[in-house]
């Protein structure tokens, strides 16, 4: 098993499809596709590609740390009590443990994610 992983932004495997949980849905009817590419340290570190159609959901990180790199699309994140921040193709950001806010997908987004927690 190699310890080097190349991340293909357009995976050729079948993604897992899902929808927003009813208690997290704010607006719209977003759909999600997840390509889980790797899980390490007994699932504590997860890496993959995630895609979402337009809509708004509540984002809660709890005890997890998430790094994101936007491959396509436009989103707006509004942390509770803060001003909105817009991210587009080429932008990267981190949501730290305890983060809570609104994730608004403005244009269908595709991101690389690394979740630790």
PDB file of N, CA and C in Angstrom:
ATOM      1  N   UNK A   1       0.846  -1.186   0.000  1.00  0.00           N
ATOM      2  CA  UNK A   1       0.000   0.000   0.000  1.00  0.00           C
ATOM      3  C   UNK A   1       0.888   1.245   0.000  1.00  0.00           C
ATOM      4  N   UNK A   2       0.630   2.127  -0.934  1.00  0.00           N
ATOM      5  CA  UNK A   2       1.413   3.353  -1.031  1.00  0.00           C
ATOM      6  C   UNK A   2       0.952   4.363   0.018  1.00  0.00           C
ATOM      7  N   UNK A   3       1.882   5.128   0.514  1.00  0.00           N
ATOM      8  CA  UNK A   3       1.565   6.202   1.449  1.00  0.00           C
ATOM      9  C   UNK A   3       1.439   7.552   0.742  1.00  0.00           C
ATOM     10  N   UNK A   4       1.419   7.510  -0.593  1.00  0.00           N
ATOM     11  CA  UNK A   4       1.233   8.699  -1.421  1.00  0.00           C
ATOM     12  C   UNK A   4      -0.114   8.576  -2.128  1.00  0.00           C
ATOM     13  N   UNK A   5      -0.955   9.596  -2.009  1.00  0.00           N
ATOM     14  CA  UNK A   5      -2.279   9.584  -2.631  1.00  0.00           C
ATOM     15  C   UNK A   5      -2.415  10.790  -3.546  1.00  0.00           C
ATOM     16  N   UNK A   6      -2.647  10.527  -4.827  1.00  0.00           N
ATOM     17  CA  UNK A   6      -2.925  11.592  -5.782  1.00  0.00           C
ATOM     18  C   UNK A   6      -4.436  11.792  -5.808  1.00  0.00           C
ATOM     19  N   UNK A   7      -4.864  13.036  -5.675  1.00  0.00           N
ATOM     20  CA  UNK A   7      -6.295  13.329  -5.655  1.00  0.00           C
ATOM     21  C   UNK A   7      -6.729  13.770  -7.046  1.00  0.00           C
ATOM     22  N   UNK A   8      -7.569  12.952  -7.682  1.00  0.00           N
ATOM     23  CA  UNK A   8      -8.132  13.265  -8.988  1.00  0.00           C
ATOM     24  C   UNK A   8      -9.393  14.099  -8.751  1.00  0.00           C
ATOM     25  N   UNK A   9      -9.459  15.343  -9.232  1.00  0.00           N
ATOM     26  CA  UNK A   9     -10.638  16.173  -8.986  1.00  0.00           C
ATOM     27  C   UNK A   9     -11.893  15.690  -9.715  1.00  0.00           C
ATOM     28  N   UNK A  10     -11.726  14.737 -10.624  1.00  0.00           N
ATOM     29  CA  UNK A  10     -12.858  14.151 -11.351  1.00  0.00           C
ATOM     30  C   UNK A  10     -12.785  12.632 -11.236  1.00  0.00           C
ATOM     31  N   UNK A  11     -13.099  12.101 -10.057  1.00  0.00           N
ATOM     32  CA  UNK A  11     -12.980  10.652  -9.844  1.00  0.00           C
ATOM     33  C   UNK A  11     -13.837   9.853 -10.823  1.00  0.00           C
ATOM     34  N   UNK A  12     -13.345   8.687 -11.185  1.00  0.00           N
ATOM     35  CA  UNK A  12     -14.064   7.810 -12.111  1.00  0.00           C
ATOM     36  C   UNK A  12     -14.916   6.770 -11.389  1.00  0.00           C
ATOM     37  N   UNK A  13     -14.908   6.788 -10.067  1.00  0.00           N
ATOM     38  CA  UNK A  13     -15.720   5.857  -9.283  1.00  0.00           C
ATOM     39  C   UNK A  13     -17.106   6.454  -9.045  1.00  0.00           C
ATOM     40  N   UNK A  14     -18.024   5.610  -8.603  1.00  0.00           N
ATOM     41  CA  UNK A  14     -19.385   6.065  -8.305  1.00  0.00           C
ATOM     42  C   UNK A  14     -19.399   6.806  -6.971  1.00  0.00           C
ATOM     43  N   UNK A  15     -20.000   7.990  -6.933  1.00  0.00           N
ATOM     44  CA  UNK A  15     -20.090   8.725  -5.666  1.00  0.00           C
ATOM     45  C   UNK A  15     -21.263   8.226  -4.829  1.00  0.00           C
ATOM     46  N   UNK A  16     -21.243   8.606  -3.564  1.00  0.00           N
ATOM     47  CA  UNK A  16     -22.392   8.380  -2.691  1.00  0.00           C
ATOM     48  C   UNK A  16     -23.272   9.623  -2.787  1.00  0.00           C
ATOM     49  N   UNK A  17     -24.539   9.439  -3.120  1.00  0.00           N
ATOM     50  CA  UNK A  17     -25.483  10.551  -3.241  1.00  0.00           C
ATOM     51  C   UNK A  17     -26.236  10.733  -1.925  1.00  0.00           C
ATOM     52  N   UNK A  18     -26.510  11.991  -1.577  1.00  0.00           N
ATOM     53  CA  UNK A  18     -27.274  12.259  -0.355  1.00  0.00           C
ATOM     54  C   UNK A  18     -27.978  13.608  -0.473  1.00  0.00           C
ATOM     55  N   UNK A  19     -28.807  13.877   0.496  1.00  0.00           N
ATOM     56  CA  UNK A  19     -29.545  15.140   0.585  1.00  0.00           C
ATOM     57  C   UNK A  19     -29.282  15.739   1.968  1.00  0.00           C
ATOM     58  N   UNK A  20     -29.649  16.986   2.130  1.00  0.00           N
ATOM     59  CA  UNK A  20     -29.496  17.647   3.424  1.00  0.00           C
ATOM     60  C   UNK A  20     -30.426  17.015   4.446  1.00  0.00           C
ATOM     61  N   UNK A  21     -29.921  16.815   5.646  1.00  0.00           N
ATOM     62  CA  UNK A  21     -30.768  16.331   6.743  1.00  0.00           C
ATOM     63  C   UNK A  21     -31.833  17.408   7.015  1.00  0.00           C
ATOM     64  N   UNK A  22     -33.076  17.012   7.269  1.00  0.00           N
ATOM     65  CA  UNK A  22     -34.148  18.000   7.470  1.00  0.00           C
ATOM     66  C   UNK A  22     -33.832  19.040   8.546  1.00  0.00           C
ATOM     67  N   UNK A  23     -33.143  18.635   9.615  1.00  0.00           N
ATOM     68  CA  UNK A  23     -32.833  19.582  10.688  1.00  0.00           C
ATOM     69  C   UNK A  23     -31.679  20.520  10.342  1.00  0.00           C
ATOM     70  N   UNK A  24     -31.025  20.284   9.195  1.00  0.00           N
ATOM     71  CA  UNK A  24     -29.923  21.149   8.760  1.00  0.00           C
ATOM     72  C   UNK A  24     -30.303  22.001   7.537  1.00  0.00           C
ATOM     73  N   UNK A  25     -31.428  21.700   6.904  1.00  0.00           N
ATOM     74  CA  UNK A  25     -31.849  22.418   5.702  1.00  0.00           C
ATOM     75  C   UNK A  25     -32.375  23.810   6.065  1.00  0.00           C
ATOM     76  N   UNK A  26     -31.833  24.836   5.381  1.00  0.00           N
ATOM     77  CA  UNK A  26     -32.275  26.217   5.591  1.00  0.00           C
ATOM     78  C   UNK A  26     -33.110  26.676   4.408  1.00  0.00           C
ATOM     79  N   UNK A  27     -32.630  26.431   3.177  1.00  0.00           N
ATOM     80  CA  UNK A  27     -33.346  26.876   1.976  1.00  0.00           C
ATOM     81  C   UNK A  27     -32.954  26.018   0.784  1.00  0.00           C
ATOM     82  N   UNK A  28     -33.874  25.900  -0.167  1.00  0.00           N
ATOM     83  CA  UNK A  28     -33.607  25.141  -1.384  1.00  0.00           C
ATOM     84  C   UNK A  28     -33.729  23.636  -1.160  1.00  0.00           C
ATOM     85  N   UNK A  29     -33.163  22.881  -2.090  1.00  0.00           N
ATOM     86  CA  UNK A  29     -33.203  21.425  -2.032  1.00  0.00           C
ATOM     87  C   UNK A  29     -31.856  20.882  -2.537  1.00  0.00           C
ATOM     88  N   UNK A  30     -30.762  21.210  -1.819  1.00  0.00           N
ATOM     89  CA  UNK A  30     -29.445  20.807  -2.308  1.00  0.00           C
ATOM     90  C   UNK A  30     -29.255  19.291  -2.312  1.00  0.00           C
ATOM     91  N   UNK A  31     -28.524  18.828  -3.317  1.00  0.00           N
ATOM     92  CA  UNK A  31     -28.118  17.423  -3.416  1.00  0.00           C
ATOM     93  C   UNK A  31     -26.608  17.373  -3.274  1.00  0.00           C
ATOM     94  N   UNK A  32     -26.111  16.277  -2.708  1.00  0.00           N
ATOM     95  CA  UNK A  32     -24.684  16.131  -2.465  1.00  0.00           C
ATOM     96  C   UNK A  32     -24.165  14.846  -3.100  1.00  0.00           C
ATOM     97  N   UNK A  33     -22.945  14.911  -3.620  1.00  0.00           N
ATOM     98  CA  UNK A  33     -22.224  13.733  -4.098  1.00  0.00           C
ATOM     99  C   UNK A  33     -20.901  13.697  -3.362  1.00  0.00           C
ATOM    100  N   UNK A  34     -20.537  12.526  -2.844  1.00  0.00           N
ATOM    101  CA  UNK A  34     -19.285  12.376  -2.110  1.00  0.00           C
ATOM    102  C   UNK A  34     -18.491  11.220  -2.681  1.00  0.00           C
ATOM    103  N   UNK A  35     -17.244  11.510  -3.034  1.00  0.00           N
ATOM    104  CA  UNK A  35     -16.295  10.488  -3.452  1.00  0.00           C
ATOM    105  C   UNK A  35     -15.298  10.355  -2.302  1.00  0.00           C
ATOM    106  N   UNK A  36     -15.487   9.363  -1.437  1.00  0.00           N
ATOM    107  CA  UNK A  36     -14.566   9.141  -0.322  1.00  0.00           C
ATOM    108  C   UNK A  36     -13.326   8.464  -0.892  1.00  0.00           C
ATOM    109  N   UNK A  37     -12.196   9.157  -0.836  1.00  0.00           N
ATOM    110  CA  UNK A  37     -10.983   8.659  -1.469  1.00  0.00           C
ATOM    111  C   UNK A  37     -10.048   7.948  -0.507  1.00  0.00           C
ATOM    112  N   UNK A  38     -10.062   8.345   0.757  1.00  0.00           N
ATOM    113  CA  UNK A  38      -9.146   7.730   1.709  1.00  0.00           C
ATOM    114  C   UNK A  38      -9.654   7.935   3.126  1.00  0.00           C
ATOM    115  N   UNK A  39      -9.381   6.949   3.962  1.00  0.00           N
ATOM    116  CA  UNK A  39      -9.672   7.035   5.383  1.00  0.00           C
ATOM    117  C   UNK A  39      -8.464   6.458   6.113  1.00  0.00           C
ATOM    118  N   UNK A  40      -7.893   7.248   7.010  1.00  0.00           N
ATOM    119  CA  UNK A  40      -6.695   6.849   7.730  1.00  0.00           C
ATOM    120  C   UNK A  40      -6.903   7.010   9.226  1.00  0.00           C
ATOM    121  N   UNK A  41      -5.987   6.420   9.990  1.00  0.00           N
ATOM    122  CA  UNK A  41      -6.017   6.512  11.458  1.00  0.00           C
ATOM    123  C   UNK A  41      -7.384   6.111  11.999  1.00  0.00           C
ATOM    124  N   UNK A  42      -7.839   4.935  11.576  1.00  0.00           N
ATOM    125  CA  UNK A  42      -9.128   4.399  12.023  1.00  0.00           C
ATOM    126  C   UNK A  42     -10.287   5.359  11.758  1.00  0.00           C
ATOM    127  N   UNK A  43     -10.247   6.024  10.610  1.00  0.00           N
ATOM    128  CA  UNK A  43     -11.328   6.924  10.225  1.00  0.00           C
ATOM    129  C   UNK A  43     -11.208   8.326  10.786  1.00  0.00           C
ATOM    130  N   UNK A  44     -10.172   8.611  11.545  1.00  0.00           N
ATOM    131  CA  UNK A  44      -9.996   9.958  12.097  1.00  0.00           C
ATOM    132  C   UNK A  44      -9.650  10.991  11.027  1.00  0.00           C
ATOM    133  N   UNK A  45      -9.011  10.545   9.934  1.00  0.00           N
ATOM    134  CA  UNK A  45      -8.642  11.437   8.837  1.00  0.00           C
ATOM    135  C   UNK A  45      -9.323  10.925   7.575  1.00  0.00           C
ATOM    136  N   UNK A  46     -10.189  11.763   6.993  1.00  0.00           N
ATOM    137  CA  UNK A  46     -10.927  11.366   5.791  1.00  0.00           C
ATOM    138  C   UNK A  46     -10.671  12.387   4.695  1.00  0.00           C
ATOM    139  N   UNK A  47     -10.437  11.885   3.487  1.00  0.00           N
ATOM    140  CA  UNK A  47     -10.122  12.736   2.349  1.00  0.00           C
ATOM    141  C   UNK A  47     -11.020  12.357   1.182  1.00  0.00           C
ATOM    142  N   UNK A  48     -11.462  13.352   0.412  1.00  0.00           N
ATOM    143  CA  UNK A  48     -12.278  13.044  -0.753  1.00  0.00           C
ATOM    144  C   UNK A  48     -12.669  14.274  -1.534  1.00  0.00           C
ATOM    145  N   UNK A  49     -13.601  14.043  -2.442  1.00  0.00           N
ATOM    146  CA  UNK A  49     -14.195  15.091  -3.274  1.00  0.00           C
ATOM    147  C   UNK A  49     -15.676  15.164  -2.893  1.00  0.00           C
ATOM    148  N   UNK A  50     -16.191  16.368  -2.783  1.00  0.00           N
ATOM    149  CA  UNK A  50     -17.596  16.577  -2.416  1.00  0.00           C
ATOM    150  C   UNK A  50     -18.180  17.615  -3.351  1.00  0.00           C
ATOM    151  N   UNK A  51     -19.424  17.388  -3.754  1.00  0.00           N
ATOM    152  CA  UNK A  51     -20.115  18.305  -4.660  1.00  0.00           C
ATOM    153  C   UNK A  51     -21.497  18.594  -4.106  1.00  0.00           C
ATOM    154  N   UNK A  52     -21.948  19.842  -4.258  1.00  0.00           N
ATOM    155  CA  UNK A  52     -23.282  20.235  -3.789  1.00  0.00           C
ATOM    156  C   UNK A  52     -23.938  21.164  -4.795  1.00  0.00           C
ATOM    157  N   UNK A  53     -25.245  20.980  -4.977  1.00  0.00           N
ATOM    158  CA  UNK A  53     -26.036  21.879  -5.809  1.00  0.00           C
ATOM    159  C   UNK A  53     -26.521  23.041  -4.937  1.00  0.00           C
ATOM    160  N   UNK A  54     -27.026  24.126  -5.559  1.00  0.00           N
ATOM    161  CA  UNK A  54     -27.433  25.299  -4.785  1.00  0.00           C
ATOM    162  C   UNK A  54     -28.457  25.013  -3.691  1.00  0.00           C
ATOM    163  N   UNK A  55     -28.271  25.738  -2.594  1.00  0.00           N
ATOM    164  CA  UNK A  55     -29.135  25.635  -1.430  1.00  0.00           C
ATOM    165  C   UNK A  55     -28.384  26.102  -0.203  1.00  0.00           C
ATOM    166  N   UNK A  56     -29.071  26.094   0.945  1.00  0.00           N
ATOM    167  CA  UNK A  56     -28.461  26.545   2.196  1.00  0.00           C
ATOM    168  C   UNK A  56     -28.678  25.505   3.277  1.00  0.00           C
ATOM    169  N   UNK A  57     -27.601  25.227   4.004  1.00  0.00           N
ATOM    170  CA  UNK A  57     -27.659  24.264   5.103  1.00  0.00           C
ATOM    171  C   UNK A  57     -26.898  24.806   6.310  1.00  0.00           C
ATOM    172  N   UNK A  58     -27.214  24.263   7.460  1.00  0.00           N
ATOM    173  CA  UNK A  58     -26.470  24.568   8.679  1.00  0.00           C
ATOM    174  C   UNK A  58     -25.243  23.673   8.694  1.00  0.00           C
ATOM    175  N   UNK A  59     -24.079  24.278   8.891  1.00  0.00           N
ATOM    176  CA  UNK A  59     -22.821  23.544   8.961  1.00  0.00           C
ATOM    177  C   UNK A  59     -22.328  23.569  10.407  1.00  0.00           C
ATOM    178  N   UNK A  60     -22.137  22.378  10.974  1.00  0.00           N
ATOM    179  CA  UNK A  60     -21.654  22.257  12.348  1.00  0.00           C
ATOM    180  C   UNK A  60     -20.455  21.316  12.346  1.00  0.00           C
ATOM    181  N   UNK A  61     -19.320  21.796  12.770  1.00  0.00           N
ATOM    182  CA  UNK A  61     -18.110  20.965  12.767  1.00  0.00           C
ATOM    183  C   UNK A  61     -17.953  20.133  14.030  1.00  0.00           C
ATOM    184  N   UNK A  62     -18.554  20.530  15.131  1.00  0.00           N
ATOM    185  CA  UNK A  62     -18.379  19.747  16.363  1.00  0.00           C
ATOM    186  C   UNK A  62     -16.906  19.688  16.741  1.00  0.00           C
ATOM    187  N   UNK A  63     -16.369  18.469  16.849  1.00  0.00           N
ATOM    188  CA  UNK A  63     -14.969  18.276  17.226  1.00  0.00           C
ATOM    189  C   UNK A  63     -14.053  18.096  16.031  1.00  0.00           C
ATOM    190  N   UNK A  64     -14.591  18.237  14.814  1.00  0.00           N
ATOM    191  CA  UNK A  64     -13.766  17.998  13.625  1.00  0.00           C
ATOM    192  C   UNK A  64     -13.150  19.284  13.083  1.00  0.00           C
ATOM    193  N   UNK A  65     -12.053  19.094  12.382  1.00  0.00           N
ATOM    194  CA  UNK A  65     -11.293  20.141  11.702  1.00  0.00           C
ATOM    195  C   UNK A  65     -11.414  19.802  10.229  1.00  0.00           C
ATOM    196  N   UNK A  66     -11.807  20.769   9.382  1.00  0.00           N
ATOM    197  CA  UNK A  66     -11.948  20.479   7.956  1.00  0.00           C
ATOM    198  C   UNK A  66     -11.230  21.512   7.102  1.00  0.00           C
ATOM    199  N   UNK A  67     -10.351  21.008   6.216  1.00  0.00           N
ATOM    200  CA  UNK A  67      -9.691  21.821   5.200  1.00  0.00           C
ATOM    201  C   UNK A  67     -10.459  21.603   3.904  1.00  0.00           C
ATOM    202  N   UNK A  68     -10.741  22.690   3.165  1.00  0.00           N
ATOM    203  CA  UNK A  68     -11.443  22.617   1.888  1.00  0.00           C
ATOM    204  C   UNK A  68     -10.689  23.414   0.836  1.00  0.00           C
ATOM    205  N   UNK A  69     -10.664  22.873  -0.380  1.00  0.00           N
ATOM    206  CA  UNK A  69     -10.131  23.593  -1.537  1.00  0.00           C
ATOM    207  C   UNK A  69     -11.206  23.543  -2.617  1.00  0.00           C
ATOM    208  N   UNK A  70     -11.678  24.709  -3.048  1.00  0.00           N
ATOM    209  CA  UNK A  70     -12.764  24.789  -4.022  1.00  0.00           C
ATOM    210  C   UNK A  70     -12.224  24.556  -5.434  1.00  0.00           C
ATOM    211  N   UNK A  71     -12.769  23.536  -6.089  1.00  0.00           N
ATOM    212  CA  UNK A  71     -12.385  23.195  -7.466  1.00  0.00           C
ATOM    213  C   UNK A  71     -13.270  23.895  -8.487  1.00  0.00           C
ATOM    214  N   UNK A  72     -14.547  24.030  -8.165  1.00  0.00           N
ATOM    215  CA  UNK A  72     -15.541  24.656  -9.053  1.00  0.00           C
ATOM    216  C   UNK A  72     -16.623  25.284  -8.189  1.00  0.00           C
ATOM    217  N   UNK A  73     -17.261  26.329  -8.718  1.00  0.00           N
ATOM    218  CA  UNK A  73     -18.432  26.885  -8.071  1.00  0.00           C
ATOM    219  C   UNK A  73     -18.156  28.053  -7.147  1.00  0.00           C
ATOM    220  N   UNK A  74     -19.241  28.492  -6.475  1.00  0.00           N
ATOM    221  CA  UNK A  74     -19.196  29.629  -5.560  1.00  0.00           C
ATOM    222  C   UNK A  74     -20.044  29.299  -4.340  1.00  0.00           C
ATOM    223  N   UNK A  75     -19.491  29.568  -3.159  1.00  0.00           N
ATOM    224  CA  UNK A  75     -20.232  29.388  -1.909  1.00  0.00           C
ATOM    225  C   UNK A  75     -20.102  30.643  -1.056  1.00  0.00           C
ATOM    226  N   UNK A  76     -20.992  30.742  -0.096  1.00  0.00           N
ATOM    227  CA  UNK A  76     -20.911  31.797   0.906  1.00  0.00           C
ATOM    228  C   UNK A  76     -21.043  31.123   2.266  1.00  0.00           C
ATOM    229  N   UNK A  77     -20.079  31.363   3.149  1.00  0.00           N
ATOM    230  CA  UNK A  77     -20.134  30.833   4.503  1.00  0.00           C
ATOM    231  C   UNK A  77     -20.381  31.977   5.463  1.00  0.00           C
ATOM    232  N   UNK A  78     -21.343  31.789   6.349  1.00  0.00           N
ATOM    233  CA  UNK A  78     -21.643  32.794   7.365  1.00  0.00           C
ATOM    234  C   UNK A  78     -21.539  32.130   8.723  1.00  0.00           C
ATOM    235  N   UNK A  79     -20.406  32.339   9.379  1.00  0.00           N
ATOM    236  CA  UNK A  79     -20.224  31.807  10.731  1.00  0.00           C
ATOM    237  C   UNK A  79     -21.176  32.539  11.664  1.00  0.00           C
ATOM    238  N   UNK A  80     -21.758  31.820  12.624  1.00  0.00           N
ATOM    239  CA  UNK A  80     -22.674  32.445  13.572  1.00  0.00           C
ATOM    240  C   UNK A  80     -22.043  33.702  14.160  1.00  0.00           C
ATOM    241  N   UNK A  81     -22.751  34.833  14.050  1.00  0.00           N
ATOM    242  CA  UNK A  81     -22.305  36.085  14.622  1.00  0.00           C
ATOM    243  C   UNK A  81     -21.268  36.839  13.802  1.00  0.00           C
ATOM    244  N   UNK A  82     -20.941  36.337  12.589  1.00  0.00           N
ATOM    245  CA  UNK A  82     -19.906  36.957  11.746  1.00  0.00           C
ATOM    246  C   UNK A  82     -20.498  37.382  10.408  1.00  0.00           C
ATOM    247  N   UNK A  83     -19.709  38.132   9.635  1.00  0.00           N
ATOM    248  CA  UNK A  83     -20.101  38.548   8.297  1.00  0.00           C
ATOM    249  C   UNK A  83     -19.891  37.396   7.305  1.00  0.00           C
ATOM    250  N   UNK A  84     -20.691  37.336   6.234  1.00  0.00           N
ATOM    251  CA  UNK A  84     -20.514  36.293   5.214  1.00  0.00           C
ATOM    252  C   UNK A  84     -19.157  36.410   4.511  1.00  0.00           C
ATOM    253  N   UNK A  85     -18.613  35.254   4.117  1.00  0.00           N
ATOM    254  CA  UNK A  85     -17.364  35.183   3.351  1.00  0.00           C
ATOM    255  C   UNK A  85     -17.645  34.347   2.108  1.00  0.00           C
ATOM    256  N   UNK A  86     -17.260  34.855   0.927  1.00  0.00           N
ATOM    257  CA  UNK A  86     -17.489  34.152  -0.333  1.00  0.00           C
ATOM    258  C   UNK A  86     -16.201  33.459  -0.750  1.00  0.00           C
ATOM    259  N   UNK A  87     -16.345  32.183  -1.183  1.00  0.00           N
ATOM    260  CA  UNK A  87     -15.224  31.401  -1.705  1.00  0.00           C
ATOM    261  C   UNK A  87     -15.580  30.909  -3.099  1.00  0.00           C
ATOM    262  N   UNK A  88     -14.563  30.915  -3.987  1.00  0.00           N
ATOM    263  CA  UNK A  88     -14.741  30.488  -5.378  1.00  0.00           C
ATOM    264  C   UNK A  88     -13.621  29.540  -5.774  1.00  0.00           C
ATOM    265  N   UNK A  89     -13.729  29.073  -7.004  1.00  0.00           N
ATOM    266  CA  UNK A  89     -12.712  28.193  -7.590  1.00  0.00           C
ATOM    267  C   UNK A  89     -11.312  28.717  -7.275  1.00  0.00           C
ATOM    268  N   UNK A  90     -10.473  27.823  -6.737  1.00  0.00           N
ATOM    269  CA  UNK A  90      -9.097  28.171  -6.405  1.00  0.00           C
ATOM    270  C   UNK A  90      -8.891  28.586  -4.959  1.00  0.00           C
ATOM    271  N   UNK A  91      -9.971  28.911  -4.237  1.00  0.00           N
ATOM    272  CA  UNK A  91      -9.854  29.324  -2.836  1.00  0.00           C
ATOM    273  C   UNK A  91      -9.778  28.102  -1.918  1.00  0.00           C
ATOM    274  N   UNK A  92      -9.104  28.295  -0.790  1.00  0.00           N
ATOM    275  CA  UNK A  92      -9.008  27.263   0.245  1.00  0.00           C
ATOM    276  C   UNK A  92      -9.368  27.886   1.590  1.00  0.00           C
ATOM    277  N   UNK A  93      -9.895  27.067   2.506  1.00  0.00           N
ATOM    278  CA  UNK A  93     -10.241  27.557   3.836  1.00  0.00           C
ATOM    279  C   UNK A  93     -10.278  26.398   4.817  1.00  0.00           C
ATOM    280  N   UNK A  94     -10.310  26.751   6.082  1.00  0.00           N
ATOM    281  CA  UNK A  94     -10.383  25.766   7.165  1.00  0.00           C
ATOM    282  C   UNK A  94     -11.557  26.127   8.060  1.00  0.00           C
ATOM    283  N   UNK A  95     -12.346  25.119   8.420  1.00  0.00           N
ATOM    284  CA  UNK A  95     -13.367  25.264   9.449  1.00  0.00           C
ATOM    285  C   UNK A  95     -12.843  24.501  10.663  1.00  0.00           C
ATOM    286  N   UNK A  96     -12.621  25.226  11.748  1.00  0.00           N
ATOM    287  CA  UNK A  96     -12.030  24.642  12.952  1.00  0.00           C
ATOM    288  C   UNK A  96     -13.101  23.999  13.839  1.00  0.00           C
ATOM    289  N   UNK A  97     -12.665  23.127  14.776  1.00  0.00           N
ATOM    290  CA  UNK A  97     -13.623  22.535  15.714  1.00  0.00           C
ATOM    291  C   UNK A  97     -14.452  23.623  16.404  1.00  0.00           C
ATOM    292  N   UNK A  98     -15.740  23.366  16.513  1.00  0.00           N
ATOM    293  CA  UNK A  98     -16.653  24.321  17.120  1.00  0.00           C
ATOM    294  C   UNK A  98     -17.326  25.239  16.119  1.00  0.00           C
ATOM    295  N   UNK A  99     -16.862  25.230  14.848  1.00  0.00           N
ATOM    296  CA  UNK A  99     -17.475  26.090  13.831  1.00  0.00           C
ATOM    297  C   UNK A  99     -18.953  25.745  13.688  1.00  0.00           C
ATOM    298  N   UNK A 100     -19.759  26.791  13.567  1.00  0.00           N
ATOM    299  CA  UNK A 100     -21.190  26.634  13.284  1.00  0.00           C
ATOM    300  C   UNK A 100     -21.608  27.822  12.437  1.00  0.00           C
ATOM    301  N   UNK A 101     -22.359  27.550  11.377  1.00  0.00           N
ATOM    302  CA  UNK A 101     -22.813  28.633  10.517  1.00  0.00           C
ATOM    303  C   UNK A 101     -23.670  28.123   9.378  1.00  0.00           C
ATOM    304  N   UNK A 102     -23.891  29.000   8.407  1.00  0.00           N
ATOM    305  CA  UNK A 102     -24.705  28.676   7.235  1.00  0.00           C
ATOM    306  C   UNK A 102     -23.784  28.484   6.036  1.00  0.00           C
ATOM    307  N   UNK A 103     -23.946  27.344   5.357  1.00  0.00           N
ATOM    308  CA  UNK A 103     -23.234  27.050   4.104  1.00  0.00           C
ATOM    309  C   UNK A 103     -24.232  27.299   2.987  1.00  0.00           C
ATOM    310  N   UNK A 104     -23.973  28.315   2.174  1.00  0.00           N
ATOM    311  CA  UNK A 104     -24.858  28.638   1.057  1.00  0.00           C
ATOM    312  C   UNK A 104     -24.115  28.335  -0.239  1.00  0.00           C
ATOM    313  N   UNK A 105     -24.606  27.355  -0.995  1.00  0.00           N
ATOM    314  CA  UNK A 105     -24.038  27.064  -2.309  1.00  0.00           C
ATOM    315  C   UNK A 105     -24.757  27.950  -3.309  1.00  0.00           C
ATOM    316  N   UNK A 106     -24.010  28.874  -3.915  1.00  0.00           N
ATOM    317  CA  UNK A 106     -24.566  29.831  -4.880  1.00  0.00           C
ATOM    318  C   UNK A 106     -24.537  29.222  -6.282  1.00  0.00           C
ATOM    319  N   UNK A 107     -23.396  28.649  -6.666  1.00  0.00           N
ATOM    320  CA  UNK A 107     -23.235  27.899  -7.916  1.00  0.00           C
ATOM    321  C   UNK A 107     -22.721  26.524  -7.533  1.00  0.00           C
ATOM    322  N   UNK A 108     -23.212  25.478  -8.186  1.00  0.00           N
ATOM    323  CA  UNK A 108     -22.796  24.121  -7.848  1.00  0.00           C
ATOM    324  C   UNK A 108     -21.304  24.097  -7.552  1.00  0.00           C
ATOM    325  N   UNK A 109     -20.976  23.545  -6.395  1.00  0.00           N
ATOM    326  CA  UNK A 109     -19.601  23.566  -5.900  1.00  0.00           C
ATOM    327  C   UNK A 109     -19.027  22.152  -5.873  1.00  0.00           C
ATOM    328  N   UNK A 110     -17.742  22.057  -6.152  1.00  0.00           N
ATOM    329  CA  UNK A 110     -16.989  20.815  -5.990  1.00  0.00           C
ATOM    330  C   UNK A 110     -15.736  21.179  -5.218  1.00  0.00           C
ATOM    331  N   UNK A 111     -15.444  20.398  -4.174  1.00  0.00           N
ATOM    332  CA  UNK A 111     -14.286  20.697  -3.342  1.00  0.00           C
ATOM    333  C   UNK A 111     -13.516  19.433  -3.007  1.00  0.00           C
ATOM    334  N   UNK A 112     -12.235  19.624  -2.724  1.00  0.00           N
ATOM    335  CA  UNK A 112     -11.429  18.607  -2.077  1.00  0.00           C
ATOM    336  C   UNK A 112     -11.554  18.862  -0.582  1.00  0.00           C
ATOM    337  N   UNK A 113     -11.748  17.814   0.200  1.00  0.00           N
ATOM    338  CA  UNK A 113     -11.825  17.993   1.647  1.00  0.00           C
ATOM    339  C   UNK A 113     -10.858  17.057   2.355  1.00  0.00           C
ATOM    340  N   UNK A 114     -10.397  17.514   3.491  1.00  0.00           N
ATOM    341  CA  UNK A 114      -9.642  16.685   4.433  1.00  0.00           C
ATOM    342  C   UNK A 114     -10.257  16.973   5.801  1.00  0.00           C
ATOM    343  N   UNK A 115     -10.830  15.948   6.406  1.00  0.00           N
ATOM    344  CA  UNK A 115     -11.478  16.091   7.711  1.00  0.00           C
ATOM    345  C   UNK A 115     -10.658  15.325   8.736  1.00  0.00           C
ATOM    346  N   UNK A 116     -10.357  15.991   9.834  1.00  0.00           N
ATOM    347  CA  UNK A 116      -9.616  15.370  10.932  1.00  0.00           C
ATOM    348  C   UNK A 116     -10.474  15.499  12.173  1.00  0.00           C
ATOM    349  N   UNK A 117     -10.689  14.377  12.846  1.00  0.00           N
ATOM    350  CA  UNK A 117     -11.469  14.483  14.063  1.00  0.00           C
ATOM    351  C   UNK A 117     -12.023  13.247  14.585  1.00  0.00           C
TER     352      UNK A 117
END
